[in-house]
Amino acid sequence: MGAARDYITKEYGRPCETVEAVVPLVAAAAAAVVLPNNPNRLAWTIWNLGAGVAQIGPSSAVGALFGSNVAGAGGMIGVTVREDGELPSRQLWGYSLAGTTLYILQTVAL
């Protein structure tokens, strides 16, 4: 194992893996599930790869006026269980008026 993996194992007290996902958000479509519920997910970080702004949140009500904004062209947001409680394990929804693509890294306990 590398130093980063050793640190993560020590930080969370158990072995973990990093899981990648690429999620397209269709322009002006209804909110879509970006991450399903996973009680073993300890953290996630999302980068917005497209030009359009994305809104994300733990509810299907996320939309143009509700949710945490992730700026286009590299905007980023992340959560961890240490700072945000159970939020990383919950289902996450996304929306983009202009459409965009999200790149997601998750830390998941094995």
PDB file of N, CA and C in Angstrom:
ATOM      1  N   MET A   1       0.836  -1.193   0.000  1.00  0.00           N
ATOM      2  CA  MET A   1       0.000   0.000   0.000  1.00  0.00           C
ATOM      3  C   MET A   1       0.875   1.248   0.000  1.00  0.00           C
ATOM      4  N   GLY A   2       0.368   2.298  -0.627  1.00  0.00           N
ATOM      5  CA  GLY A   2       1.066   3.571  -0.639  1.00  0.00           C
ATOM      6  C   GLY A   2       0.744   4.383   0.607  1.00  0.00           C
ATOM      7  N   ALA A   3       1.444   5.483   0.760  1.00  0.00           N
ATOM      8  CA  ALA A   3       1.274   6.338   1.928  1.00  0.00           C
ATOM      9  C   ALA A   3      -0.144   6.896   2.031  1.00  0.00           C
ATOM     10  N   ALA A   4      -0.722   7.286   0.893  1.00  0.00           N
ATOM     11  CA  ALA A   4      -2.086   7.831   0.926  1.00  0.00           C
ATOM     12  C   ALA A   4      -3.077   6.786   1.424  1.00  0.00           C
ATOM     13  N   ARG A   5      -2.971   5.559   0.918  1.00  0.00           N
ATOM     14  CA  ARG A   5      -3.885   4.479   1.353  1.00  0.00           C
ATOM     15  C   ARG A   5      -3.682   4.171   2.836  1.00  0.00           C
ATOM     16  N   ASP A   6      -2.428   4.160   3.298  1.00  0.00           N
ATOM     17  CA  ASP A   6      -2.144   3.927   4.717  1.00  0.00           C
ATOM     18  C   ASP A   6      -2.787   5.005   5.577  1.00  0.00           C
ATOM     19  N   TYR A   7      -2.684   6.267   5.134  1.00  0.00           N
ATOM     20  CA  TYR A   7      -3.277   7.373   5.888  1.00  0.00           C
ATOM     21  C   TYR A   7      -4.797   7.229   5.962  1.00  0.00           C
ATOM     22  N   ILE A   8      -5.433   6.923   4.828  1.00  0.00           N
ATOM     23  CA  ILE A   8      -6.892   6.772   4.803  1.00  0.00           C
ATOM     24  C   ILE A   8      -7.327   5.632   5.711  1.00  0.00           C
ATOM     25  N   THR A   9      -6.619   4.518   5.689  1.00  0.00           N
ATOM     26  CA  THR A   9      -6.951   3.382   6.561  1.00  0.00           C
ATOM     27  C   THR A   9      -6.839   3.784   8.025  1.00  0.00           C
ATOM     28  N   LYS A  10      -5.783   4.515   8.367  1.00  0.00           N
ATOM     29  CA  LYS A  10      -5.618   4.984   9.749  1.00  0.00           C
ATOM     30  C   LYS A  10      -6.702   6.003  10.115  1.00  0.00           C
ATOM     31  N   GLU A  11      -6.986   6.927   9.206  1.00  0.00           N
ATOM     32  CA  GLU A  11      -7.977   7.984   9.464  1.00  0.00           C
ATOM     33  C   GLU A  11      -9.363   7.409   9.755  1.00  0.00           C
ATOM     34  N   TYR A  12      -9.773   6.410   8.967  1.00  0.00           N
ATOM     35  CA  TYR A  12     -11.114   5.861   9.109  1.00  0.00           C
ATOM     36  C   TYR A  12     -11.166   4.560   9.887  1.00  0.00           C
ATOM     37  N   GLY A  13      -9.999   4.013  10.252  1.00  0.00           N
ATOM     38  CA  GLY A  13      -9.974   2.825  11.092  1.00  0.00           C
ATOM     39  C   GLY A  13     -10.313   1.525  10.391  1.00  0.00           C
ATOM     40  N   ARG A  14     -10.343   1.548   9.072  1.00  0.00           N
ATOM     41  CA  ARG A  14     -10.620   0.333   8.305  1.00  0.00           C
ATOM     42  C   ARG A  14     -10.167   0.541   6.869  1.00  0.00           C
ATOM     43  N   PRO A  15      -9.920  -0.545   6.148  1.00  0.00           N
ATOM     44  CA  PRO A  15      -9.508  -0.406   4.748  1.00  0.00           C
ATOM     45  C   PRO A  15     -10.602   0.257   3.912  1.00  0.00           C
ATOM     46  N   CYS A  16     -10.183   1.044   2.942  1.00  0.00           N
ATOM     47  CA  CYS A  16     -11.107   1.761   2.060  1.00  0.00           C
ATOM     48  C   CYS A  16     -10.631   1.640   0.622  1.00  0.00           C
ATOM     49  N   GLU A  17     -11.539   1.931  -0.300  1.00  0.00           N
ATOM     50  CA  GLU A  17     -11.164   2.006  -1.706  1.00  0.00           C
ATOM     51  C   GLU A  17     -11.695   3.309  -2.286  1.00  0.00           C
ATOM     52  N   THR A  18     -11.064   3.746  -3.361  1.00  0.00           N
ATOM     53  CA  THR A  18     -11.520   4.925  -4.082  1.00  0.00           C
ATOM     54  C   THR A  18     -12.313   4.454  -5.291  1.00  0.00           C
ATOM     55  N   VAL A  19     -13.505   4.999  -5.447  1.00  0.00           N
ATOM     56  CA  VAL A  19     -14.394   4.629  -6.547  1.00  0.00           C
ATOM     57  C   VAL A  19     -14.646   5.876  -7.392  1.00  0.00           C
ATOM     58  N   GLU A  20     -14.465   5.748  -8.710  1.00  0.00           N
ATOM     59  CA  GLU A  20     -14.680   6.864  -9.636  1.00  0.00           C
ATOM     60  C   GLU A  20     -16.024   6.724 -10.336  1.00  0.00           C
ATOM     61  N   ALA A  21     -16.603   7.855 -10.694  1.00  0.00           N
ATOM     62  CA  ALA A  21     -17.829   7.872 -11.498  1.00  0.00           C
ATOM     63  C   ALA A  21     -17.827   9.122 -12.360  1.00  0.00           C
ATOM     64  N   VAL A  22     -18.381   9.011 -13.556  1.00  0.00           N
ATOM     65  CA  VAL A  22     -18.622  10.148 -14.435  1.00  0.00           C
ATOM     66  C   VAL A  22     -20.116  10.182 -14.688  1.00  0.00           C
ATOM     67  N   VAL A  23     -20.756  11.309 -14.367  1.00  0.00           N
ATOM     68  CA  VAL A  23     -22.214  11.412 -14.438  1.00  0.00           C
ATOM     69  C   VAL A  23     -22.612  12.603 -15.294  1.00  0.00           C
ATOM     70  N   PRO A  24     -23.250  12.366 -16.450  1.00  0.00           N
ATOM     71  CA  PRO A  24     -23.762  13.486 -17.249  1.00  0.00           C
ATOM     72  C   PRO A  24     -25.095  13.981 -16.683  1.00  0.00           C
ATOM     73  N   LEU A  25     -25.287  15.293 -16.684  1.00  0.00           N
ATOM     74  CA  LEU A  25     -26.574  15.889 -16.327  1.00  0.00           C
ATOM     75  C   LEU A  25     -27.138  16.523 -17.590  1.00  0.00           C
ATOM     76  N   VAL A  26     -28.294  16.064 -18.027  1.00  0.00           N
ATOM     77  CA  VAL A  26     -28.931  16.545 -19.250  1.00  0.00           C
ATOM     78  C   VAL A  26     -29.514  17.938 -19.007  1.00  0.00           C
ATOM     79  N   ALA A  27     -29.336  18.835 -19.960  1.00  0.00           N
ATOM     80  CA  ALA A  27     -29.809  20.217 -19.829  1.00  0.00           C
ATOM     81  C   ALA A  27     -31.288  20.276 -19.506  1.00  0.00           C
ATOM     82  N   ALA A  28     -31.603  21.031 -18.449  1.00  0.00           N
ATOM     83  CA  ALA A  28     -32.973  21.351 -18.039  1.00  0.00           C
ATOM     84  C   ALA A  28     -33.868  20.130 -17.809  1.00  0.00           C
ATOM     85  N   ALA A  29     -33.285  18.953 -17.685  1.00  0.00           N
ATOM     86  CA  ALA A  29     -34.080  17.765 -17.353  1.00  0.00           C
ATOM     87  C   ALA A  29     -34.396  17.795 -15.859  1.00  0.00           C
ATOM     88  N   ALA A  30     -35.220  16.890 -15.416  1.00  0.00           N
ATOM     89  CA  ALA A  30     -35.507  16.779 -13.986  1.00  0.00           C
ATOM     90  C   ALA A  30     -34.232  16.385 -13.249  1.00  0.00           C
ATOM     91  N   ALA A  31     -34.214  16.621 -11.957  1.00  0.00           N
ATOM     92  CA  ALA A  31     -33.073  16.223 -11.149  1.00  0.00           C
ATOM     93  C   ALA A  31     -32.821  14.729 -11.308  1.00  0.00           C
ATOM     94  N   ALA A  32     -31.552  14.348 -11.269  1.00  0.00           N
ATOM     95  CA  ALA A  32     -31.165  12.950 -11.450  1.00  0.00           C
ATOM     96  C   ALA A  32     -30.299  12.499 -10.273  1.00  0.00           C
ATOM     97  N   VAL A  33     -30.350  11.215  -9.969  1.00  0.00           N
ATOM     98  CA  VAL A  33     -29.496  10.670  -8.918  1.00  0.00           C
ATOM     99  C   VAL A  33     -28.048  10.694  -9.409  1.00  0.00           C
ATOM    100  N   VAL A  34     -27.191  11.336  -8.642  1.00  0.00           N
ATOM    101  CA  VAL A  34     -25.771  11.431  -8.958  1.00  0.00           C
ATOM    102  C   VAL A  34     -25.002  10.327  -8.232  1.00  0.00           C
ATOM    103  N   LEU A  35     -25.362  10.085  -6.983  1.00  0.00           N
ATOM    104  CA  LEU A  35     -24.796   8.991  -6.191  1.00  0.00           C
ATOM    105  C   LEU A  35     -25.935   8.288  -5.458  1.00  0.00           C
ATOM    106  N   PRO A  36     -26.002   6.966  -5.535  1.00  0.00           N
ATOM    107  CA  PRO A  36     -27.025   6.254  -4.773  1.00  0.00           C
ATOM    108  C   PRO A  36     -26.654   6.216  -3.285  1.00  0.00           C
ATOM    109  N   ASN A  37     -27.622   5.938  -2.447  1.00  0.00           N
ATOM    110  CA  ASN A  37     -27.357   5.754  -1.026  1.00  0.00           C
ATOM    111  C   ASN A  37     -26.307   4.654  -0.846  1.00  0.00           C
ATOM    112  N   ASN A  38     -25.323   4.881   0.016  1.00  0.00           N
ATOM    113  CA  ASN A  38     -24.310   3.869   0.317  1.00  0.00           C
ATOM    114  C   ASN A  38     -23.822   4.089   1.747  1.00  0.00           C
ATOM    115  N   PRO A  39     -24.274   3.270   2.705  1.00  0.00           N
ATOM    116  CA  PRO A  39     -23.882   3.470   4.099  1.00  0.00           C
ATOM    117  C   PRO A  39     -22.393   3.272   4.362  1.00  0.00           C
ATOM    118  N   ASN A  40     -21.650   2.720   3.402  1.00  0.00           N
ATOM    119  CA  ASN A  40     -20.205   2.538   3.563  1.00  0.00           C
ATOM    120  C   ASN A  40     -19.383   3.659   2.932  1.00  0.00           C
ATOM    121  N   ARG A  41     -20.042   4.627   2.291  1.00  0.00           N
ATOM    122  CA  ARG A  41     -19.314   5.750   1.685  1.00  0.00           C
ATOM    123  C   ARG A  41     -18.958   6.751   2.785  1.00  0.00           C
ATOM    124  N   LEU A  42     -17.669   7.078   2.894  1.00  0.00           N
ATOM    125  CA  LEU A  42     -17.170   7.954   3.946  1.00  0.00           C
ATOM    126  C   LEU A  42     -16.888   9.372   3.464  1.00  0.00           C
ATOM    127  N   ALA A  43     -16.719   9.538   2.166  1.00  0.00           N
ATOM    128  CA  ALA A  43     -16.414  10.863   1.610  1.00  0.00           C
ATOM    129  C   ALA A  43     -16.680  10.843   0.116  1.00  0.00           C
ATOM    130  N   TRP A  44     -16.944  12.026  -0.436  1.00  0.00           N
ATOM    131  CA  TRP A  44     -16.981  12.180  -1.888  1.00  0.00           C
ATOM    132  C   TRP A  44     -16.509  13.576  -2.250  1.00  0.00           C
ATOM    133  N   THR A  45     -15.941  13.672  -3.450  1.00  0.00           N
ATOM    134  CA  THR A  45     -15.547  14.951  -4.027  1.00  0.00           C
ATOM    135  C   THR A  45     -16.055  14.972  -5.454  1.00  0.00           C
ATOM    136  N   ILE A  46     -16.687  16.089  -5.833  1.00  0.00           N
ATOM    137  CA  ILE A  46     -17.256  16.234  -7.169  1.00  0.00           C
ATOM    138  C   ILE A  46     -16.608  17.414  -7.867  1.00  0.00           C
ATOM    139  N   TRP A  47     -16.171  17.163  -9.112  1.00  0.00           N
ATOM    140  CA  TRP A  47     -15.684  18.231  -9.991  1.00  0.00           C
ATOM    141  C   TRP A  47     -16.668  18.384 -11.136  1.00  0.00           C
ATOM    142  N   ASN A  48     -16.957  19.630 -11.509  1.00  0.00           N
ATOM    143  CA  ASN A  48     -17.820  19.915 -12.644  1.00  0.00           C
ATOM    144  C   ASN A  48     -16.928  20.092 -13.868  1.00  0.00           C
ATOM    145  N   LEU A  49     -16.993  19.158 -14.805  1.00  0.00           N
ATOM    146  CA  LEU A  49     -16.128  19.182 -15.984  1.00  0.00           C
ATOM    147  C   LEU A  49     -16.672  20.037 -17.122  1.00  0.00           C
ATOM    148  N   GLY A  50     -17.969  20.329 -17.107  1.00  0.00           N
ATOM    149  CA  GLY A  50     -18.586  21.085 -18.181  1.00  0.00           C
ATOM    150  C   GLY A  50     -18.632  22.573 -17.897  1.00  0.00           C
ATOM    151  N   ALA A  51     -19.185  23.323 -18.839  1.00  0.00           N
ATOM    152  CA  ALA A  51     -19.284  24.780 -18.701  1.00  0.00           C
ATOM    153  C   ALA A  51     -20.485  25.210 -17.870  1.00  0.00           C
ATOM    154  N   GLY A  52     -21.551  24.394 -17.858  1.00  0.00           N
ATOM    155  CA  GLY A  52     -22.768  24.758 -17.142  1.00  0.00           C
ATOM    156  C   GLY A  52     -22.643  24.554 -15.643  1.00  0.00           C
ATOM    157  N   VAL A  53     -23.312  25.414 -14.879  1.00  0.00           N
ATOM    158  CA  VAL A  53     -23.357  25.281 -13.424  1.00  0.00           C
ATOM    159  C   VAL A  53     -24.206  24.064 -13.064  1.00  0.00           C
ATOM    160  N   ALA A  54     -23.805  23.337 -12.027  1.00  0.00           N
ATOM    161  CA  ALA A  54     -24.591  22.219 -11.514  1.00  0.00           C
ATOM    162  C   ALA A  54     -25.054  22.548 -10.100  1.00  0.00           C
ATOM    163  N   GLN A  55     -26.230  22.072  -9.759  1.00  0.00           N
ATOM    164  CA  GLN A  55     -26.712  22.148  -8.389  1.00  0.00           C
ATOM    165  C   GLN A  55     -26.798  20.714  -7.876  1.00  0.00           C
ATOM    166  N   ILE A  56     -26.335  20.494  -6.650  1.00  0.00           N
ATOM    167  CA  ILE A  56     -26.438  19.172  -6.056  1.00  0.00           C
ATOM    168  C   ILE A  56     -27.029  19.284  -4.661  1.00  0.00           C
ATOM    169  N   GLY A  57     -27.651  18.209  -4.205  1.00  0.00           N
ATOM    170  CA  GLY A  57     -28.227  18.187  -2.875  1.00  0.00           C
ATOM    171  C   GLY A  57     -28.805  16.821  -2.548  1.00  0.00           C
ATOM    172  N   PRO A  58     -29.156  16.598  -1.282  1.00  0.00           N
ATOM    173  CA  PRO A  58     -29.649  15.300  -0.834  1.00  0.00           C
ATOM    174  C   PRO A  58     -31.147  15.101  -1.038  1.00  0.00           C
ATOM    175  N   SER A  59     -31.752  15.853  -1.949  1.00  0.00           N
ATOM    176  CA  SER A  59     -33.190  15.769  -2.180  1.00  0.00           C
ATOM    177  C   SER A  59     -33.488  15.857  -3.672  1.00  0.00           C
ATOM    178  N   SER A  60     -34.539  15.184  -4.095  1.00  0.00           N
ATOM    179  CA  SER A  60     -34.953  15.267  -5.500  1.00  0.00           C
ATOM    180  C   SER A  60     -35.497  16.644  -5.846  1.00  0.00           C
ATOM    181  N   ALA A  61     -35.671  17.503  -4.857  1.00  0.00           N
ATOM    182  CA  ALA A  61     -36.148  18.873  -5.095  1.00  0.00           C
ATOM    183  C   ALA A  61     -35.039  19.784  -5.609  1.00  0.00           C
ATOM    184  N   VAL A  62     -33.806  19.270  -5.733  1.00  0.00           N
ATOM    185  CA  VAL A  62     -32.708  20.089  -6.229  1.00  0.00           C
ATOM    186  C   VAL A  62     -33.059  20.609  -7.630  1.00  0.00           C
ATOM    187  N   GLY A  63     -32.717  21.858  -7.897  1.00  0.00           N
ATOM    188  CA  GLY A  63     -33.037  22.471  -9.186  1.00  0.00           C
ATOM    189  C   GLY A  63     -32.331  23.799  -9.329  1.00  0.00           C
ATOM    190  N   ALA A  64     -32.758  24.599 -10.268  1.00  0.00           N
ATOM    191  CA  ALA A  64     -32.099  25.872 -10.569  1.00  0.00           C
ATOM    192  C   ALA A  64     -32.047  26.800  -9.361  1.00  0.00           C
ATOM    193  N   LEU A  65     -33.032  26.701  -8.462  1.00  0.00           N
ATOM    194  CA  LEU A  65     -33.099  27.606  -7.309  1.00  0.00           C
ATOM    195  C   LEU A  65     -32.792  26.931  -5.979  1.00  0.00           C
ATOM    196  N   PHE A  66     -32.493  25.641  -5.989  1.00  0.00           N
ATOM    197  CA  PHE A  66     -32.244  24.915  -4.747  1.00  0.00           C
ATOM    198  C   PHE A  66     -31.102  23.936  -4.945  1.00  0.00           C
ATOM    199  N   GLY A  67     -30.153  23.954  -4.053  1.00  0.00           N
ATOM    200  CA  GLY A  67     -29.022  23.038  -4.094  1.00  0.00           C
ATOM    201  C   GLY A  67     -27.721  23.801  -3.919  1.00  0.00           C
ATOM    202  N   SER A  68     -26.664  23.068  -3.715  1.00  0.00           N
ATOM    203  CA  SER A  68     -25.331  23.672  -3.616  1.00  0.00           C
ATOM    204  C   SER A  68     -24.770  23.830  -5.020  1.00  0.00           C
ATOM    205  N   ASN A  69     -24.376  25.054  -5.369  1.00  0.00           N
ATOM    206  CA  ASN A  69     -23.838  25.335  -6.701  1.00  0.00           C
ATOM    207  C   ASN A  69     -22.432  24.764  -6.841  1.00  0.00           C
ATOM    208  N   VAL A  70     -22.199  24.105  -7.977  1.00  0.00           N
ATOM    209  CA  VAL A  70     -20.858  23.661  -8.350  1.00  0.00           C
ATOM    210  C   VAL A  70     -20.564  24.361  -9.678  1.00  0.00           C
ATOM    211  N   ALA A  71     -19.682  25.350  -9.632  1.00  0.00           N
ATOM    212  CA  ALA A  71     -19.391  26.175 -10.807  1.00  0.00           C
ATOM    213  C   ALA A  71     -18.892  25.328 -11.968  1.00  0.00           C
ATOM    214  N   GLY A  72     -19.172  25.802 -13.185  1.00  0.00           N
ATOM    215  CA  GLY A  72     -18.692  25.118 -14.377  1.00  0.00           C
ATOM    216  C   GLY A  72     -17.183  25.241 -14.541  1.00  0.00           C
ATOM    217  N   ALA A  73     -16.639  24.448 -15.432  1.00  0.00           N
ATOM    218  CA  ALA A  73     -15.218  24.495 -15.801  1.00  0.00           C
ATOM    219  C   ALA A  73     -14.291  24.271 -14.605  1.00  0.00           C
ATOM    220  N   GLY A  74     -14.594  23.258 -13.809  1.00  0.00           N
ATOM    221  CA  GLY A  74     -13.681  22.883 -12.740  1.00  0.00           C
ATOM    222  C   GLY A  74     -14.128  23.185 -11.329  1.00  0.00           C
ATOM    223  N   GLY A  75     -15.363  23.687 -11.148  1.00  0.00           N
ATOM    224  CA  GLY A  75     -15.859  23.901  -9.794  1.00  0.00           C
ATOM    225  C   GLY A  75     -15.853  22.584  -9.023  1.00  0.00           C
ATOM    226  N   MET A  76     -15.679  22.653  -7.711  1.00  0.00           N
ATOM    227  CA  MET A  76     -15.530  21.450  -6.903  1.00  0.00           C
ATOM    228  C   MET A  76     -16.242  21.596  -5.568  1.00  0.00           C
ATOM    229  N   ILE A  77     -16.736  20.476  -5.048  1.00  0.00           N
ATOM    230  CA  ILE A  77     -17.331  20.421  -3.719  1.00  0.00           C
ATOM    231  C   ILE A  77     -17.048  19.038  -3.154  1.00  0.00           C
ATOM    232  N   GLY A  78     -16.860  18.954  -1.849  1.00  0.00           N
ATOM    233  CA  GLY A  78     -16.602  17.668  -1.228  1.00  0.00           C
ATOM    234  C   GLY A  78     -17.124  17.614   0.193  1.00  0.00           C
ATOM    235  N   VAL A  79     -17.408  16.402   0.655  1.00  0.00           N
ATOM    236  CA  VAL A  79     -17.863  16.188   2.030  1.00  0.00           C
ATOM    237  C   VAL A  79     -17.183  14.946   2.597  1.00  0.00           C
ATOM    238  N   THR A  80     -17.039  14.922   3.935  1.00  0.00           N
ATOM    239  CA  THR A  80     -16.490  13.767   4.633  1.00  0.00           C
ATOM    240  C   THR A  80     -17.330  13.496   5.877  1.00  0.00           C
ATOM    241  N   VAL A  81     -17.292  12.274   6.362  1.00  0.00           N
ATOM    242  CA  VAL A  81     -18.046  11.956   7.581  1.00  0.00           C
ATOM    243  C   VAL A  81     -17.487  12.710   8.783  1.00  0.00           C
ATOM    244  N   ARG A  82     -16.204  12.999   8.789  1.00  0.00           N
ATOM    245  CA  ARG A  82     -15.601  13.724   9.919  1.00  0.00           C
ATOM    246  C   ARG A  82     -16.188  15.132  10.055  1.00  0.00           C
ATOM    247  N   GLU A  83     -16.457  15.785   8.927  1.00  0.00           N
ATOM    248  CA  GLU A  83     -16.952  17.162   8.948  1.00  0.00           C
ATOM    249  C   GLU A  83     -18.452  17.289   8.731  1.00  0.00           C
ATOM    250  N   ASP A  84     -19.063  16.311   8.055  1.00  0.00           N
ATOM    251  CA  ASP A  84     -20.452  16.459   7.624  1.00  0.00           C
ATOM    252  C   ASP A  84     -21.382  15.341   8.101  1.00  0.00           C
ATOM    253  N   GLY A  85     -20.942  14.559   9.080  1.00  0.00           N
ATOM    254  CA  GLY A  85     -21.795  13.495   9.615  1.00  0.00           C
ATOM    255  C   GLY A  85     -22.123  12.449   8.556  1.00  0.00           C
ATOM    256  N   GLU A  86     -23.361  12.040   8.492  1.00  0.00           N
ATOM    257  CA  GLU A  86     -23.785  10.978   7.580  1.00  0.00           C
ATOM    258  C   GLU A  86     -24.059  11.455   6.155  1.00  0.00           C
ATOM    259  N   LEU A  87     -23.881  12.726   5.874  1.00  0.00           N
ATOM    260  CA  LEU A  87     -24.179  13.260   4.538  1.00  0.00           C
ATOM    261  C   LEU A  87     -23.494  12.492   3.400  1.00  0.00           C
ATOM    262  N   PRO A  88     -22.208  12.109   3.511  1.00  0.00           N
ATOM    263  CA  PRO A  88     -21.593  11.396   2.382  1.00  0.00           C
ATOM    264  C   PRO A  88     -22.275  10.070   2.036  1.00  0.00           C
ATOM    265  N   SER A  89     -22.934   9.454   2.990  1.00  0.00           N
ATOM    266  CA  SER A  89     -23.564   8.152   2.741  1.00  0.00           C
ATOM    267  C   SER A  89     -24.937   8.271   2.084  1.00  0.00           C
ATOM    268  N   ARG A  90     -25.512   9.434   2.101  1.00  0.00           N
ATOM    269  CA  ARG A  90     -26.873   9.617   1.576  1.00  0.00           C
ATOM    270  C   ARG A  90     -26.915   9.707   0.061  1.00  0.00           C
ATOM    271  N   GLN A  91     -28.079   9.408  -0.485  1.00  0.00           N
ATOM    272  CA  GLN A  91     -28.291   9.577  -1.925  1.00  0.00           C
ATOM    273  C   GLN A  91     -28.114  11.050  -2.286  1.00  0.00           C
ATOM    274  N   LEU A  92     -27.499  11.320  -3.429  1.00  0.00           N
ATOM    275  CA  LEU A  92     -27.221  12.684  -3.854  1.00  0.00           C
ATOM    276  C   LEU A  92     -27.843  12.923  -5.221  1.00  0.00           C
ATOM    277  N   TRP A  93     -28.500  14.058  -5.363  1.00  0.00           N
ATOM    278  CA  TRP A  93     -29.179  14.423  -6.609  1.00  0.00           C
ATOM    279  C   TRP A  93     -28.445  15.574  -7.275  1.00  0.00           C
ATOM    280  N   GLY A  94     -28.597  15.680  -8.592  1.00  0.00           N
ATOM    281  CA  GLY A  94     -27.981  16.772  -9.323  1.00  0.00           C
ATOM    282  C   GLY A  94     -28.898  17.329 -10.394  1.00  0.00           C
ATOM    283  N   TYR A  95     -28.642  18.582 -10.774  1.00  0.00           N
ATOM    284  CA  TYR A  95     -29.431  19.282 -11.796  1.00  0.00           C
ATOM    285  C   TYR A  95     -28.527  20.297 -12.477  1.00  0.00           C
ATOM    286  N   SER A  96     -28.743  20.511 -13.764  1.00  0.00           N
ATOM    287  CA  SER A  96     -28.020  21.566 -14.480  1.00  0.00           C
ATOM    288  C   SER A  96     -28.924  22.141 -15.561  1.00  0.00           C
ATOM    289  N   LEU A  97     -29.171  23.435 -15.505  1.00  0.00           N
ATOM    290  CA  LEU A  97     -30.004  24.093 -16.499  1.00  0.00           C
ATOM    291  C   LEU A  97     -29.378  23.989 -17.888  1.00  0.00           C
ATOM    292  N   ALA A  98     -28.057  24.182 -17.983  1.00  0.00           N
ATOM    293  CA  ALA A  98     -27.360  24.152 -19.273  1.00  0.00           C
ATOM    294  C   ALA A  98     -26.848  22.756 -19.637  1.00  0.00           C
ATOM    295  N   GLY A  99     -26.846  21.847 -18.683  1.00  0.00           N
ATOM    296  CA  GLY A  99     -26.265  20.525 -18.890  1.00  0.00           C
ATOM    297  C   GLY A  99     -24.768  20.555 -18.582  1.00  0.00           C
ATOM    298  N   THR A 100     -24.264  19.465 -18.032  1.00  0.00           N
ATOM    299  CA  THR A 100     -22.848  19.388 -17.685  1.00  0.00           C
ATOM    300  C   THR A 100     -22.480  17.941 -17.388  1.00  0.00           C
ATOM    301  N   THR A 101     -21.225  17.719 -17.081  1.00  0.00           N
ATOM    302  CA  THR A 101     -20.752  16.397 -16.697  1.00  0.00           C
ATOM    303  C   THR A 101     -19.997  16.514 -15.379  1.00  0.00           C
ATOM    304  N   LEU A 102     -20.301  15.615 -14.447  1.00  0.00           N
ATOM    305  CA  LEU A 102     -19.642  15.596 -13.144  1.00  0.00           C
ATOM    306  C   LEU A 102     -18.673  14.425 -13.060  1.00  0.00           C
ATOM    307  N   TYR A 103     -17.504  14.679 -12.484  1.00  0.00           N
ATOM    308  CA  TYR A 103     -16.532  13.622 -12.186  1.00  0.00           C
ATOM    309  C   TYR A 103     -16.506  13.477 -10.674  1.00  0.00           C
ATOM    310  N   ILE A 104     -16.692  12.248 -10.189  1.00  0.00           N
ATOM    311  CA  ILE A 104     -16.847  12.020  -8.753  1.00  0.00           C
ATOM    312  C   ILE A 104     -15.836  10.988  -8.266  1.00  0.00           C
ATOM    313  N   LEU A 105     -15.147  11.308  -7.171  1.00  0.00           N
ATOM    314  CA  LEU A 105     -14.325  10.355  -6.443  1.00  0.00           C
ATOM    315  C   LEU A 105     -14.978  10.091  -5.102  1.00  0.00           C
ATOM    316  N   GLN A 106     -15.111   8.834  -4.756  1.00  0.00           N
ATOM    317  CA  GLN A 106     -15.720   8.438  -3.482  1.00  0.00           C
ATOM    318  C   GLN A 106     -14.728   7.615  -2.681  1.00  0.00           C
ATOM    319  N   THR A 107     -14.713   7.805  -1.361  1.00  0.00           N
ATOM    320  CA  THR A 107     -13.967   6.926  -0.475  1.00  0.00           C
ATOM    321  C   THR A 107     -14.982   6.024   0.192  1.00  0.00           C
ATOM    322  N   VAL A 108     -14.824   4.714  -0.046  1.00  0.00           N
ATOM    323  CA  VAL A 108     -15.800   3.736   0.428  1.00  0.00           C
ATOM    324  C   VAL A 108     -15.093   2.712   1.304  1.00  0.00           C
ATOM    325  N   ALA A 109     -15.637   2.479   2.510  1.00  0.00           N
ATOM    326  CA  ALA A 109     -15.087   1.470   3.416  1.00  0.00           C
ATOM    327  C   ALA A 109     -15.348   0.083   2.868  1.00  0.00           C
ATOM    328  N   LEU A 110     -14.362  -0.788   2.995  1.00  0.00           N
ATOM    329  CA  LEU A 110     -14.508  -2.174   2.537  1.00  0.00           C
ATOM    330  C   LEU A 110     -15.132  -3.041   3.619  1.00  0.00           C
TER     331      LEU A 110
END
